[in-house]
């Protein structure tokens, strides 16, 4: 089964699982607006706040820089 099967018609009785994660407990599918392909369901996709995501990325980068400094100092 490919994602293209679900572009124009709802899933058939035997196609009730998410094509990405295999969950059968989904309520909705999410599609890429550009390609039209299913990218997941409400079980396998998590909504994140853009600002929180930015803060997490910034903290990760700072931690990586600290590790490089520690390594260069011989710690």
Protein backbone atom coordinates (compact mmCIF):
# COMPACT_ATOMS: atom_id res chain seq x y z
CA UNK A 1 0.00 0.00 0.00
CA UNK A 2 1.32 3.46 -0.85
CA UNK A 3 0.36 6.89 0.43
CA UNK A 4 -0.98 7.71 -3.03
CA UNK A 5 -3.85 5.27 -2.44
CA UNK A 6 -5.37 7.73 0.04
CA UNK A 7 -5.09 10.95 -1.95
CA UNK A 8 -8.63 10.91 -3.30
CA UNK A 9 -10.59 8.32 -1.36
CA UNK A 10 -10.95 7.35 2.30
CA UNK A 11 -9.26 4.18 3.48
CA UNK A 12 -10.99 0.91 2.66
CA UNK A 13 -12.08 -1.41 5.45
CA UNK A 14 -8.75 -3.32 5.30
CA UNK A 15 -6.66 -0.10 5.23
CA UNK A 16 -7.56 1.29 8.67
CA UNK A 17 -4.00 1.61 9.94
CA UNK A 18 -1.79 4.67 9.63
CA UNK A 19 0.60 4.19 6.70
CA UNK A 20 3.42 5.82 8.69
CA UNK A 21 3.25 4.27 12.18
CA UNK A 22 0.75 1.45 11.75
CA UNK A 23 -1.57 2.72 14.49
CA UNK A 24 -5.19 1.66 14.29
CA UNK A 25 -6.29 4.13 16.98
CA UNK A 26 -6.04 7.32 14.88
CA UNK A 27 -8.78 9.94 14.53
CA UNK A 28 -7.24 12.03 11.73
CA UNK A 29 -4.44 11.84 9.18
CA UNK A 30 -2.14 14.75 8.34
CA UNK A 31 -1.16 15.42 4.73
CA UNK A 32 1.70 17.44 3.30
CA UNK A 33 0.11 20.43 1.56
CA UNK A 34 2.62 20.39 -1.26
CA UNK A 35 2.90 16.69 -2.08
CA UNK A 36 -0.50 15.58 -0.84
CA UNK A 37 1.08 12.55 0.84
CA UNK A 38 0.09 11.43 4.33
CA UNK A 39 2.83 12.30 6.83
CA UNK A 40 1.24 10.66 9.87
CA UNK A 41 -1.74 10.49 12.18
CA UNK A 42 -2.68 12.05 15.50
CA UNK A 43 -0.95 9.10 17.21
CA UNK A 44 2.47 9.57 15.58
CA UNK A 45 2.62 13.35 15.05
CA UNK A 46 3.14 15.68 17.99
CA UNK A 47 2.18 19.36 17.93
CA UNK A 48 4.97 21.60 19.20
CA UNK A 49 5.09 25.30 19.88
CA UNK A 50 7.54 27.01 17.51
CA UNK A 51 9.01 29.20 20.25
CA UNK A 52 9.57 26.21 22.57
CA UNK A 53 11.20 24.30 19.70
CA UNK A 54 13.52 27.26 19.08
CA UNK A 55 14.51 27.36 22.77
CA UNK A 56 15.22 23.61 22.76
CA UNK A 57 17.41 23.94 19.66
CA UNK A 58 19.27 26.88 21.18
CA UNK A 59 19.91 24.97 24.43
CA UNK A 60 21.13 21.93 22.44
CA UNK A 61 23.57 24.09 20.46
CA UNK A 62 24.90 25.73 23.62
CA UNK A 63 25.41 22.33 25.26
CA UNK A 64 27.32 21.08 22.21
CA UNK A 65 29.53 24.17 22.27
CA UNK A 66 30.23 23.64 25.99
CA UNK A 67 31.21 20.03 25.31
CA UNK A 68 33.63 21.12 22.58
CA UNK A 69 35.20 23.67 24.92
CA UNK A 70 35.58 21.04 27.65
CA UNK A 71 37.21 18.63 25.19
CA UNK A 72 39.62 21.25 23.95
CA UNK A 73 40.62 22.06 27.52
CA UNK A 74 41.27 18.39 28.25
CA UNK A 75 38.44 17.85 30.72
